[in-house]
Amino acid sequence: MISKFRKGADSLLVRILLGLIAFSFVGVGGAAFINGNSSGDVVSFSETDSISFEEFHIAKAKENIEALKIKMVDKEKQVEAIVASDIKTVETAVVNEVEKIQKAI
């Protein structure tokens, strides 16, 4: 069966047909590339306002800033927990040393 496909692919008619299909894709893609997005919108809707590139970038930047703020709050909480733990450790060590000194006296 594969040999029939290979023999058929060698025919002039099939090559012309495949060439026309390829040319149609190239033509449509080229036209879209040349014409571009004339409205300058990222997304266009029929019944509501479209989203422009500027609006999209501003919204994305705000989203990124909010995500960074959340990460910073989490990091601050981690640092506070570490500092509190270290303070507790130092307090315990100082209390132990003071008790040792009082027992020695």
Foldseek 3Di string as FASTA:
>chain_A
DVVVVVVVCPDPVNVVVVVVVVVVVVVVVVVCVVVDDVVQFPADDDPDHTHHPVNVVVVVVVVVVVVVVVVVVVVVVVVVVVVVVVVVVVVVVVVVVVVVVVVVD
